């Protein structure tokens, strides 16, 4: 089990999540600041993510794409749980500096 845990790092999870774009804005969900928390325990990864608004019509798609991307990057037998959360509410300040620059917002 230790080998699996060693292979399941937060950076590896973030790399997988960077492959998931919000189709409405064409940017990955990590740089958009949609990932609030990543917890890794033996044989399980739990991710808390949010959307830019509770009315986001892409929430189910983004959540499922995140689950698939992380599952594909994890060793066999590691479960991936995604929790869609709304607290704290998302704000543009949660975006990476490069994401804010892309949209022309001061960073």
PDB file of N, CA and C in Angstrom:
ATOM      1  N   UNK A   1       0.817  -1.200   0.000  1.00  0.00           N
ATOM      2  CA  UNK A   1       0.000   0.000   0.000  1.00  0.00           C
ATOM      3  C   UNK A   1       0.859   1.263   0.000  1.00  0.00           C
ATOM      4  N   UNK A   2       2.034   1.206   0.623  1.00  0.00           N
ATOM      5  CA  UNK A   2       2.872   2.395   0.655  1.00  0.00           C
ATOM      6  C   UNK A   2       3.279   2.835  -0.741  1.00  0.00           C
ATOM      7  N   UNK A   3       3.533   1.869  -1.624  1.00  0.00           N
ATOM      8  CA  UNK A   3       3.905   2.233  -2.989  1.00  0.00           C
ATOM      9  C   UNK A   3       2.783   2.975  -3.680  1.00  0.00           C
ATOM     10  N   UNK A   4       1.534   2.534  -3.464  1.00  0.00           N
ATOM     11  CA  UNK A   4       0.398   3.224  -4.075  1.00  0.00           C
ATOM     12  C   UNK A   4       0.287   4.642  -3.542  1.00  0.00           C
ATOM     13  N   UNK A   5       0.436   4.801  -2.228  1.00  0.00           N
ATOM     14  CA  UNK A   5       0.331   6.127  -1.640  1.00  0.00           C
ATOM     15  C   UNK A   5       1.445   7.031  -2.175  1.00  0.00           C
ATOM     16  N   UNK A   6       2.639   6.490  -2.327  1.00  0.00           N
ATOM     17  CA  UNK A   6       3.746   7.292  -2.845  1.00  0.00           C
ATOM     18  C   UNK A   6       3.465   7.766  -4.262  1.00  0.00           C
ATOM     19  N   UNK A   7       2.768   6.950  -5.045  1.00  0.00           N
ATOM     20  CA  UNK A   7       2.452   7.315  -6.417  1.00  0.00           C
ATOM     21  C   UNK A   7       1.263   8.265  -6.504  1.00  0.00           C
ATOM     22  N   UNK A   8       0.502   8.366  -5.430  1.00  0.00           N
ATOM     23  CA  UNK A   8      -0.690   9.204  -5.416  1.00  0.00           C
ATOM     24  C   UNK A   8      -0.368  10.475  -4.644  1.00  0.00           C
ATOM     25  N   UNK A   9       0.216  11.436  -5.336  1.00  0.00           N
ATOM     26  CA  UNK A   9       0.603  12.674  -4.687  1.00  0.00           C
ATOM     27  C   UNK A   9      -0.344  13.788  -5.113  1.00  0.00           C
ATOM     28  N   UNK A  10      -0.368  14.836  -4.327  1.00  0.00           N
ATOM     29  CA  UNK A  10      -1.217  15.977  -4.670  1.00  0.00           C
ATOM     30  C   UNK A  10      -0.806  16.578  -6.012  1.00  0.00           C
ATOM     31  N   UNK A  11       0.484  16.647  -6.278  1.00  0.00           N
ATOM     32  CA  UNK A  11       0.925  17.214  -7.560  1.00  0.00           C
ATOM     33  C   UNK A  11       0.466  16.344  -8.727  1.00  0.00           C
ATOM     34  N   UNK A  12       0.500  15.049  -8.558  1.00  0.00           N
ATOM     35  CA  UNK A  12       0.021  14.151  -9.616  1.00  0.00           C
ATOM     36  C   UNK A  12      -1.470  14.357  -9.868  1.00  0.00           C
ATOM     37  N   UNK A  13      -2.228  14.549  -8.793  1.00  0.00           N
ATOM     38  CA  UNK A  13      -3.666  14.816  -8.925  1.00  0.00           C
ATOM     39  C   UNK A  13      -3.876  16.148  -9.636  1.00  0.00           C
ATOM     40  N   UNK A  14      -3.140  17.177  -9.244  1.00  0.00           N
ATOM     41  CA  UNK A  14      -3.267  18.498  -9.885  1.00  0.00           C
ATOM     42  C   UNK A  14      -2.903  18.439 -11.370  1.00  0.00           C
ATOM     43  N   UNK A  15      -1.869  17.678 -11.702  1.00  0.00           N
ATOM     44  CA  UNK A  15      -1.500  17.524 -13.110  1.00  0.00           C
ATOM     45  C   UNK A  15      -2.649  16.915 -13.904  1.00  0.00           C
ATOM     46  N   UNK A  16      -3.294  15.908 -13.338  1.00  0.00           N
ATOM     47  CA  UNK A  16      -4.443  15.285 -14.012  1.00  0.00           C
ATOM     48  C   UNK A  16      -5.586  16.286 -14.152  1.00  0.00           C
ATOM     49  N   UNK A  17      -5.826  17.071 -13.112  1.00  0.00           N
ATOM     50  CA  UNK A  17      -6.924  18.046 -13.150  1.00  0.00           C
ATOM     51  C   UNK A  17      -6.644  19.176 -14.133  1.00  0.00           C
ATOM     52  N   UNK A  18      -5.385  19.456 -14.395  1.00  0.00           N
ATOM     53  CA  UNK A  18      -5.043  20.494 -15.382  1.00  0.00           C
ATOM     54  C   UNK A  18      -5.460  20.087 -16.798  1.00  0.00           C
ATOM     55  N   UNK A  19      -5.757  18.813 -17.005  1.00  0.00           N
ATOM     56  CA  UNK A  19      -6.235  18.332 -18.304  1.00  0.00           C
ATOM     57  C   UNK A  19      -7.727  18.580 -18.497  1.00  0.00           C
ATOM     58  N   UNK A  20      -8.397  19.026 -17.431  1.00  0.00           N
ATOM     59  CA  UNK A  20      -9.844  19.243 -17.473  1.00  0.00           C
ATOM     60  C   UNK A  20     -10.123  20.727 -17.660  1.00  0.00           C
ATOM     61  N   UNK A  21     -10.761  21.057 -18.767  1.00  0.00           N
ATOM     62  CA  UNK A  21     -11.102  22.449 -19.049  1.00  0.00           C
ATOM     63  C   UNK A  21     -12.552  22.735 -18.705  1.00  0.00           C
ATOM     64  N   UNK A  22     -12.806  23.970 -18.314  1.00  0.00           N
ATOM     65  CA  UNK A  22     -14.171  24.481 -18.257  1.00  0.00           C
ATOM     66  C   UNK A  22     -14.487  24.865 -19.693  1.00  0.00           C
ATOM     67  N   UNK A  23     -15.410  24.145 -20.348  1.00  0.00           N
ATOM     68  CA  UNK A  23     -15.645  24.393 -21.771  1.00  0.00           C
ATOM     69  C   UNK A  23     -16.203  25.779 -22.085  1.00  0.00           C
ATOM     70  N   UNK A  24     -16.779  26.432 -21.111  1.00  0.00           N
ATOM     71  CA  UNK A  24     -17.322  27.764 -21.361  1.00  0.00           C
ATOM     72  C   UNK A  24     -16.241  28.823 -21.490  1.00  0.00           C
ATOM     73  N   UNK A  25     -15.105  28.608 -20.816  1.00  0.00           N
ATOM     74  CA  UNK A  25     -14.047  29.611 -20.859  1.00  0.00           C
ATOM     75  C   UNK A  25     -12.757  29.089 -21.481  1.00  0.00           C
ATOM     76  N   UNK A  26     -12.671  27.783 -21.720  1.00  0.00           N
ATOM     77  CA  UNK A  26     -11.501  27.220 -22.375  1.00  0.00           C
ATOM     78  C   UNK A  26     -10.236  27.260 -21.548  1.00  0.00           C
ATOM     79  N   UNK A  27     -10.367  27.084 -20.238  1.00  0.00           N
ATOM     80  CA  UNK A  27      -9.208  27.082 -19.354  1.00  0.00           C
ATOM     81  C   UNK A  27      -9.356  25.937 -18.356  1.00  0.00           C
ATOM     82  N   UNK A  28      -8.220  25.410 -17.910  1.00  0.00           N
ATOM     83  CA  UNK A  28      -8.284  24.274 -16.991  1.00  0.00           C
ATOM     84  C   UNK A  28      -8.803  24.689 -15.612  1.00  0.00           C
ATOM     85  N   UNK A  29      -9.383  23.717 -14.933  1.00  0.00           N
ATOM     86  CA  UNK A  29     -10.061  24.001 -13.667  1.00  0.00           C
ATOM     87  C   UNK A  29      -9.095  24.307 -12.524  1.00  0.00           C
ATOM     88  N   UNK A  30      -7.837  23.916 -12.653  1.00  0.00           N
ATOM     89  CA  UNK A  30      -6.853  24.264 -11.621  1.00  0.00           C
ATOM     90  C   UNK A  30      -6.529  25.750 -11.706  1.00  0.00           C
ATOM     91  N   UNK A  31      -6.186  26.227 -12.907  1.00  0.00           N
ATOM     92  CA  UNK A  31      -5.852  27.647 -13.063  1.00  0.00           C
ATOM     93  C   UNK A  31      -7.055  28.553 -12.817  1.00  0.00           C
ATOM     94  N   UNK A  32      -8.250  28.034 -13.063  1.00  0.00           N
ATOM     95  CA  UNK A  32      -9.455  28.822 -12.776  1.00  0.00           C
ATOM     96  C   UNK A  32      -9.722  28.943 -11.279  1.00  0.00           C
ATOM     97  N   UNK A  33      -9.035  28.149 -10.478  1.00  0.00           N
ATOM     98  CA  UNK A  33      -9.228  28.210  -9.026  1.00  0.00           C
ATOM     99  C   UNK A  33     -10.442  27.429  -8.560  1.00  0.00           C
ATOM    100  N   UNK A  34     -10.851  26.439  -9.331  1.00  0.00           N
ATOM    101  CA  UNK A  34     -12.037  25.663  -8.971  1.00  0.00           C
ATOM    102  C   UNK A  34     -11.731  24.515  -8.013  1.00  0.00           C
ATOM    103  N   UNK A  35     -10.461  24.195  -7.813  1.00  0.00           N
ATOM    104  CA  UNK A  35     -10.086  23.101  -6.916  1.00  0.00           C
ATOM    105  C   UNK A  35      -9.835  23.681  -5.532  1.00  0.00           C
ATOM    106  N   UNK A  36     -10.649  23.268  -4.583  1.00  0.00           N
ATOM    107  CA  UNK A  36     -10.527  23.796  -3.225  1.00  0.00           C
ATOM    108  C   UNK A  36      -9.689  22.910  -2.315  1.00  0.00           C
ATOM    109  N   UNK A  37      -9.769  21.594  -2.523  1.00  0.00           N
ATOM    110  CA  UNK A  37      -9.082  20.705  -1.594  1.00  0.00           C
ATOM    111  C   UNK A  37      -8.814  19.371  -2.258  1.00  0.00           C
ATOM    112  N   UNK A  38      -7.660  18.793  -1.917  1.00  0.00           N
ATOM    113  CA  UNK A  38      -7.319  17.450  -2.351  1.00  0.00           C
ATOM    114  C   UNK A  38      -6.849  16.696  -1.117  1.00  0.00           C
ATOM    115  N   UNK A  39      -7.548  15.633  -0.782  1.00  0.00           N
ATOM    116  CA  UNK A  39      -7.159  14.772   0.333  1.00  0.00           C
ATOM    117  C   UNK A  39      -6.778  13.419  -0.225  1.00  0.00           C
ATOM    118  N   UNK A  40      -5.633  12.919   0.204  1.00  0.00           N
ATOM    119  CA  UNK A  40      -5.154  11.625  -0.268  1.00  0.00           C
ATOM    120  C   UNK A  40      -4.922  10.725   0.936  1.00  0.00           C
ATOM    121  N   UNK A  41      -5.595   9.598   0.940  1.00  0.00           N
ATOM    122  CA  UNK A  41      -5.387   8.558   1.942  1.00  0.00           C
ATOM    123  C   UNK A  41      -5.170   7.258   1.175  1.00  0.00           C
ATOM    124  N   UNK A  42      -4.656   6.233   1.824  1.00  0.00           N
ATOM    125  CA  UNK A  42      -4.444   4.987   1.084  1.00  0.00           C
ATOM    126  C   UNK A  42      -5.713   4.544   0.346  1.00  0.00           C
ATOM    127  N   UNK A  43      -5.536   4.309  -0.930  1.00  0.00           N
ATOM    128  CA  UNK A  43      -6.580   3.785  -1.811  1.00  0.00           C
ATOM    129  C   UNK A  43      -7.740   4.741  -2.077  1.00  0.00           C
ATOM    130  N   UNK A  44      -7.581   6.046  -1.769  1.00  0.00           N
ATOM    131  CA  UNK A  44      -8.670   6.994  -2.019  1.00  0.00           C
ATOM    132  C   UNK A  44      -8.127   8.407  -2.186  1.00  0.00           C
ATOM    133  N   UNK A  45      -8.687   9.096  -3.177  1.00  0.00           N
ATOM    134  CA  UNK A  45      -8.416  10.518  -3.381  1.00  0.00           C
ATOM    135  C   UNK A  45      -9.768  11.217  -3.305  1.00  0.00           C
ATOM    136  N   UNK A  46      -9.855  12.250  -2.490  1.00  0.00           N
ATOM    137  CA  UNK A  46     -11.078  13.041  -2.386  1.00  0.00           C
ATOM    138  C   UNK A  46     -10.756  14.466  -2.796  1.00  0.00           C
ATOM    139  N   UNK A  47     -11.566  14.978  -3.708  1.00  0.00           N
ATOM    140  CA  UNK A  47     -11.343  16.317  -4.244  1.00  0.00           C
ATOM    141  C   UNK A  47     -12.593  17.151  -4.020  1.00  0.00           C
ATOM    142  N   UNK A  48     -12.407  18.345  -3.492  1.00  0.00           N
ATOM    143  CA  UNK A  48     -13.497  19.309  -3.397  1.00  0.00           C
ATOM    144  C   UNK A  48     -13.270  20.348  -4.484  1.00  0.00           C
ATOM    145  N   UNK A  49     -14.286  20.530  -5.302  1.00  0.00           N
ATOM    146  CA  UNK A  49     -14.206  21.544  -6.342  1.00  0.00           C
ATOM    147  C   UNK A  49     -15.500  22.323  -6.393  1.00  0.00           C
ATOM    148  N   UNK A  50     -15.432  23.451  -7.043  1.00  0.00           N
ATOM    149  CA  UNK A  50     -16.587  24.318  -7.164  1.00  0.00           C
ATOM    150  C   UNK A  50     -16.732  24.738  -8.615  1.00  0.00           C
ATOM    151  N   UNK A  51     -17.741  25.481  -8.890  1.00  0.00           N
ATOM    152  CA  UNK A  51     -17.955  26.084 -10.205  1.00  0.00           C
ATOM    153  C   UNK A  51     -17.917  27.597 -10.019  1.00  0.00           C
ATOM    154  N   UNK A  52     -17.810  28.320 -11.105  1.00  0.00           N
ATOM    155  CA  UNK A  52     -17.773  29.779 -11.000  1.00  0.00           C
ATOM    156  C   UNK A  52     -19.105  30.333 -10.512  1.00  0.00           C
ATOM    157  N   UNK A  53     -20.171  29.569 -10.691  1.00  0.00           N
ATOM    158  CA  UNK A  53     -21.494  29.953 -10.209  1.00  0.00           C
ATOM    159  C   UNK A  53     -22.326  28.696 -10.001  1.00  0.00           C
ATOM    160  N   UNK A  54     -23.216  28.684  -9.007  1.00  0.00           N
ATOM    161  CA  UNK A  54     -24.083  27.518  -8.818  1.00  0.00           C
ATOM    162  C   UNK A  54     -24.977  27.236 -10.026  1.00  0.00           C
ATOM    163  N   UNK A  55     -25.184  28.217 -10.872  1.00  0.00           N
ATOM    164  CA  UNK A  55     -26.029  28.031 -12.055  1.00  0.00           C
ATOM    165  C   UNK A  55     -25.239  27.496 -13.249  1.00  0.00           C
ATOM    166  N   UNK A  56     -23.971  27.149 -13.056  1.00  0.00           N
ATOM    167  CA  UNK A  56     -23.129  26.676 -14.164  1.00  0.00           C
ATOM    168  C   UNK A  56     -23.741  25.433 -14.806  1.00  0.00           C
ATOM    169  N   UNK A  57     -24.072  25.505 -16.086  1.00  0.00           N
ATOM    170  CA  UNK A  57     -24.672  24.353 -16.755  1.00  0.00           C
ATOM    171  C   UNK A  57     -23.669  23.232 -17.038  1.00  0.00           C
ATOM    172  N   UNK A  58     -22.394  23.480 -16.836  1.00  0.00           N
ATOM    173  CA  UNK A  58     -21.352  22.495 -17.131  1.00  0.00           C
ATOM    174  C   UNK A  58     -20.888  21.726 -15.893  1.00  0.00           C
ATOM    175  N   UNK A  59     -21.517  21.964 -14.749  1.00  0.00           N
ATOM    176  CA  UNK A  59     -21.083  21.355 -13.492  1.00  0.00           C
ATOM    177  C   UNK A  59     -20.960  19.842 -13.547  1.00  0.00           C
ATOM    178  N   UNK A  60     -21.981  19.164 -14.052  1.00  0.00           N
ATOM    179  CA  UNK A  60     -21.935  17.702 -14.115  1.00  0.00           C
ATOM    180  C   UNK A  60     -20.837  17.228 -15.050  1.00  0.00           C
ATOM    181  N   UNK A  61     -20.695  17.868 -16.185  1.00  0.00           N
ATOM    182  CA  UNK A  61     -19.671  17.490 -17.161  1.00  0.00           C
ATOM    183  C   UNK A  61     -18.274  17.695 -16.585  1.00  0.00           C
ATOM    184  N   UNK A  62     -18.039  18.832 -15.973  1.00  0.00           N
ATOM    185  CA  UNK A  62     -16.721  19.125 -15.405  1.00  0.00           C
ATOM    186  C   UNK A  62     -16.399  18.150 -14.280  1.00  0.00           C
ATOM    187  N   UNK A  63     -17.364  17.877 -13.422  1.00  0.00           N
ATOM    188  CA  UNK A  63     -17.164  16.944 -12.320  1.00  0.00           C
ATOM    189  C   UNK A  63     -16.814  15.557 -12.841  1.00  0.00           C
ATOM    190  N   UNK A  64     -17.541  15.079 -13.818  1.00  0.00           N
ATOM    191  CA  UNK A  64     -17.268  13.755 -14.382  1.00  0.00           C
ATOM    192  C   UNK A  64     -15.925  13.720 -15.109  1.00  0.00           C
ATOM    193  N   UNK A  65     -15.594  14.772 -15.838  1.00  0.00           N
ATOM    194  CA  UNK A  65     -14.295  14.831 -16.514  1.00  0.00           C
ATOM    195  C   UNK A  65     -13.154  14.838 -15.499  1.00  0.00           C
ATOM    196  N   UNK A  66     -13.341  15.523 -14.368  1.00  0.00           N
ATOM    197  CA  UNK A  66     -12.328  15.535 -13.312  1.00  0.00           C
ATOM    198  C   UNK A  66     -12.161  14.134 -12.734  1.00  0.00           C
ATOM    199  N   UNK A  67     -13.259  13.460 -12.478  1.00  0.00           N
ATOM    200  CA  UNK A  67     -13.195  12.099 -11.931  1.00  0.00           C
ATOM    201  C   UNK A  67     -12.441  11.172 -12.892  1.00  0.00           C
ATOM    202  N   UNK A  68     -12.769  11.255 -14.161  1.00  0.00           N
ATOM    203  CA  UNK A  68     -12.105  10.408 -15.164  1.00  0.00           C
ATOM    204  C   UNK A  68     -10.615  10.713 -15.274  1.00  0.00           C
ATOM    205  N   UNK A  69     -10.259  11.984 -15.309  1.00  0.00           N
ATOM    206  CA  UNK A  69      -8.851  12.370 -15.466  1.00  0.00           C
ATOM    207  C   UNK A  69      -8.014  11.893 -14.288  1.00  0.00           C
ATOM    208  N   UNK A  70      -8.523  12.082 -13.083  1.00  0.00           N
ATOM    209  CA  UNK A  70      -7.763  11.669 -11.900  1.00  0.00           C
ATOM    210  C   UNK A  70      -7.713  10.144 -11.815  1.00  0.00           C
ATOM    211  N   UNK A  71      -8.815   9.493 -12.082  1.00  0.00           N
ATOM    212  CA  UNK A  71      -8.833   8.018 -12.051  1.00  0.00           C
ATOM    213  C   UNK A  71      -7.805   7.442 -13.012  1.00  0.00           C
ATOM    214  N   UNK A  72      -7.692   8.025 -14.195  1.00  0.00           N
ATOM    215  CA  UNK A  72      -6.743   7.535 -15.191  1.00  0.00           C
ATOM    216  C   UNK A  72      -5.292   7.724 -14.743  1.00  0.00           C
ATOM    217  N   UNK A  73      -5.038   8.697 -13.886  1.00  0.00           N
ATOM    218  CA  UNK A  73      -3.678   8.994 -13.438  1.00  0.00           C
ATOM    219  C   UNK A  73      -3.280   8.237 -12.172  1.00  0.00           C
ATOM    220  N   UNK A  74      -4.238   7.578 -11.544  1.00  0.00           N
ATOM    221  CA  UNK A  74      -3.967   6.903 -10.285  1.00  0.00           C
ATOM    222  C   UNK A  74      -3.665   5.424 -10.502  1.00  0.00           C
ATOM    223  N   UNK A  75      -2.927   4.842  -9.565  1.00  0.00           N
ATOM    224  CA  UNK A  75      -2.691   3.399  -9.632  1.00  0.00           C
ATOM    225  C   UNK A  75      -4.022   2.641  -9.517  1.00  0.00           C
ATOM    226  N   UNK A  76      -4.047   1.453 -10.034  1.00  0.00           N
ATOM    227  CA  UNK A  76      -5.249   0.625  -9.958  1.00  0.00           C
ATOM    228  C   UNK A  76      -5.653   0.439  -8.497  1.00  0.00           C
ATOM    229  N   UNK A  77      -6.942   0.505  -8.247  1.00  0.00           N
ATOM    230  CA  UNK A  77      -7.463   0.305  -6.900  1.00  0.00           C
ATOM    231  C   UNK A  77      -7.636   1.573  -6.087  1.00  0.00           C
ATOM    232  N   UNK A  78      -7.225   2.707  -6.621  1.00  0.00           N
ATOM    233  CA  UNK A  78      -7.395   3.977  -5.915  1.00  0.00           C
ATOM    234  C   UNK A  78      -8.728   4.585  -6.343  1.00  0.00           C
ATOM    235  N   UNK A  79      -9.632   4.767  -5.392  1.00  0.00           N
ATOM    236  CA  UNK A  79     -10.937   5.360  -5.670  1.00  0.00           C
ATOM    237  C   UNK A  79     -10.812   6.877  -5.718  1.00  0.00           C
ATOM    238  N   UNK A  80     -11.636   7.497  -6.546  1.00  0.00           N
ATOM    239  CA  UNK A  80     -11.634   8.954  -6.673  1.00  0.00           C
ATOM    240  C   UNK A  80     -13.035   9.463  -6.352  1.00  0.00           C
ATOM    241  N   UNK A  81     -13.125  10.278  -5.320  1.00  0.00           N
ATOM    242  CA  UNK A  81     -14.389  10.898  -4.925  1.00  0.00           C
ATOM    243  C   UNK A  81     -14.307  12.390  -5.225  1.00  0.00           C
ATOM    244  N   UNK A  82     -15.324  12.895  -5.897  1.00  0.00           N
ATOM    245  CA  UNK A  82     -15.396  14.325  -6.205  1.00  0.00           C
ATOM    246  C   UNK A  82     -16.596  14.902  -5.470  1.00  0.00           C
ATOM    247  N   UNK A  83     -16.360  15.947  -4.697  1.00  0.00           N
ATOM    248  CA  UNK A  83     -17.445  16.638  -3.996  1.00  0.00           C
ATOM    249  C   UNK A  83     -17.568  18.044  -4.574  1.00  0.00           C
ATOM    250  N   UNK A  84     -18.745  18.371  -5.052  1.00  0.00           N
ATOM    251  CA  UNK A  84     -19.020  19.713  -5.555  1.00  0.00           C
ATOM    252  C   UNK A  84     -19.465  20.559  -4.372  1.00  0.00           C
ATOM    253  N   UNK A  85     -18.708  21.622  -4.091  1.00  0.00           N
ATOM    254  CA  UNK A  85     -18.978  22.462  -2.925  1.00  0.00           C
ATOM    255  C   UNK A  85     -19.209  23.905  -3.364  1.00  0.00           C
ATOM    256  N   UNK A  86     -19.871  24.662  -2.508  1.00  0.00           N
ATOM    257  CA  UNK A  86     -20.203  26.054  -2.842  1.00  0.00           C
ATOM    258  C   UNK A  86     -19.646  27.051  -1.843  1.00  0.00           C
ATOM    259  N   UNK A  87     -19.007  26.575  -0.793  1.00  0.00           N
ATOM    260  CA  UNK A  87     -18.421  27.456   0.219  1.00  0.00           C
ATOM    261  C   UNK A  87     -16.933  27.222   0.278  1.00  0.00           C
ATOM    262  N   UNK A  88     -16.142  28.238   0.230  1.00  0.00           N
ATOM    263  CA  UNK A  88     -16.539  29.621  -0.023  1.00  0.00           C
ATOM    264  C   UNK A  88     -16.920  29.806  -1.488  1.00  0.00           C
ATOM    265  N   UNK A  89     -17.709  30.811  -1.772  1.00  0.00           N
ATOM    266  CA  UNK A  89     -18.068  31.068  -3.167  1.00  0.00           C
ATOM    267  C   UNK A  89     -16.818  31.387  -3.988  1.00  0.00           C
ATOM    268  N   UNK A  90     -16.824  30.944  -5.235  1.00  0.00           N
ATOM    269  CA  UNK A  90     -15.714  31.220  -6.135  1.00  0.00           C
ATOM    270  C   UNK A  90     -15.668  32.706  -6.458  1.00  0.00           C
ATOM    271  N   UNK A  91     -14.449  33.249  -6.549  1.00  0.00           N
ATOM    272  CA  UNK A  91     -14.230  34.621  -7.006  1.00  0.00           C
ATOM    273  C   UNK A  91     -13.016  34.614  -7.937  1.00  0.00           C
ATOM    274  N   UNK A  92     -12.886  35.597  -8.800  1.00  0.00           N
ATOM    275  CA  UNK A  92     -11.731  35.645  -9.703  1.00  0.00           C
ATOM    276  C   UNK A  92     -10.382  35.669  -8.980  1.00  0.00           C
ATOM    277  N   UNK A  93     -10.360  36.095  -7.734  1.00  0.00           N
ATOM    278  CA  UNK A  93      -9.103  36.117  -6.988  1.00  0.00           C
ATOM    279  C   UNK A  93      -8.537  34.717  -6.783  1.00  0.00           C
ATOM    280  N   UNK A  94      -9.353  33.682  -6.941  1.00  0.00           N
ATOM    281  CA  UNK A  94      -8.891  32.306  -6.777  1.00  0.00           C
ATOM    282  C   UNK A  94      -8.124  31.789  -7.997  1.00  0.00           C
ATOM    283  N   UNK A  95      -8.203  32.519  -9.098  1.00  0.00           N
ATOM    284  CA  UNK A  95      -7.513  32.090 -10.315  1.00  0.00           C
ATOM    285  C   UNK A  95      -6.011  32.308 -10.181  1.00  0.00           C
ATOM    286  N   UNK A  96      -5.259  31.528 -10.949  1.00  0.00           N
ATOM    287  CA  UNK A  96      -3.809  31.730 -10.992  1.00  0.00           C
ATOM    288  C   UNK A  96      -3.522  33.087 -11.645  1.00  0.00           C
ATOM    289  N   UNK A  97      -2.322  33.593 -11.419  1.00  0.00           N
ATOM    290  CA  UNK A  97      -1.935  34.870 -12.034  1.00  0.00           C
ATOM    291  C   UNK A  97      -2.034  34.790 -13.550  1.00  0.00           C
ATOM    292  N   UNK A  98      -1.590  33.680 -14.124  1.00  0.00           N
ATOM    293  CA  UNK A  98      -1.630  33.562 -15.590  1.00  0.00           C
ATOM    294  C   UNK A  98      -3.069  33.533 -16.101  1.00  0.00           C
ATOM    295  N   UNK A  99      -3.985  32.922 -15.342  1.00  0.00           N
ATOM    296  CA  UNK A  99      -5.392  32.902 -15.764  1.00  0.00           C
ATOM    297  C   UNK A  99      -5.977  34.312 -15.734  1.00  0.00           C
ATOM    298  N   UNK A 100      -5.679  35.060 -14.666  1.00  0.00           N
ATOM    299  CA  UNK A 100      -6.188  36.439 -14.590  1.00  0.00           C
ATOM    300  C   UNK A 100      -5.628  37.276 -15.730  1.00  0.00           C
ATOM    301  N   UNK A 101      -4.365  37.082 -16.059  1.00  0.00           N
ATOM    302  CA  UNK A 101      -3.756  37.831 -17.179  1.00  0.00           C
ATOM    303  C   UNK A 101      -4.415  37.450 -18.491  1.00  0.00           C
ATOM    304  N   UNK A 102      -4.726  36.170 -18.664  1.00  0.00           N
ATOM    305  CA  UNK A 102      -5.387  35.718 -19.890  1.00  0.00           C
ATOM    306  C   UNK A 102      -6.708  36.456 -20.109  1.00  0.00           C
ATOM    307  N   UNK A 103      -7.426  36.664 -19.006  1.00  0.00           N
ATOM    308  CA  UNK A 103      -8.718  37.348 -19.102  1.00  0.00           C
ATOM    309  C   UNK A 103      -8.616  38.858 -18.974  1.00  0.00           C
ATOM    310  N   UNK A 104      -7.387  39.353 -18.800  1.00  0.00           N
ATOM    311  CA  UNK A 104      -7.190  40.795 -18.714  1.00  0.00           C
ATOM    312  C   UNK A 104      -7.567  41.391 -17.379  1.00  0.00           C
ATOM    313  N   UNK A 105      -7.569  40.557 -16.329  1.00  0.00           N
ATOM    314  CA  UNK A 105      -7.882  41.057 -14.989  1.00  0.00           C
ATOM    315  C   UNK A 105      -6.590  41.328 -14.234  1.00  0.00           C
ATOM    316  N   UNK A 106      -6.587  42.374 -13.437  1.00  0.00           N
ATOM    317  CA  UNK A 106      -5.365  42.683 -12.663  1.00  0.00           C
ATOM    318  C   UNK A 106      -5.053  41.530 -11.715  1.00  0.00           C
ATOM    319  N   UNK A 107      -3.778  41.284 -11.533  1.00  0.00           N
ATOM    320  CA  UNK A 107      -3.430  40.132 -10.705  1.00  0.00           C
ATOM    321  C   UNK A 107      -2.469  40.422  -9.659  1.00  0.00           C
TER     322      UNK A 107
END
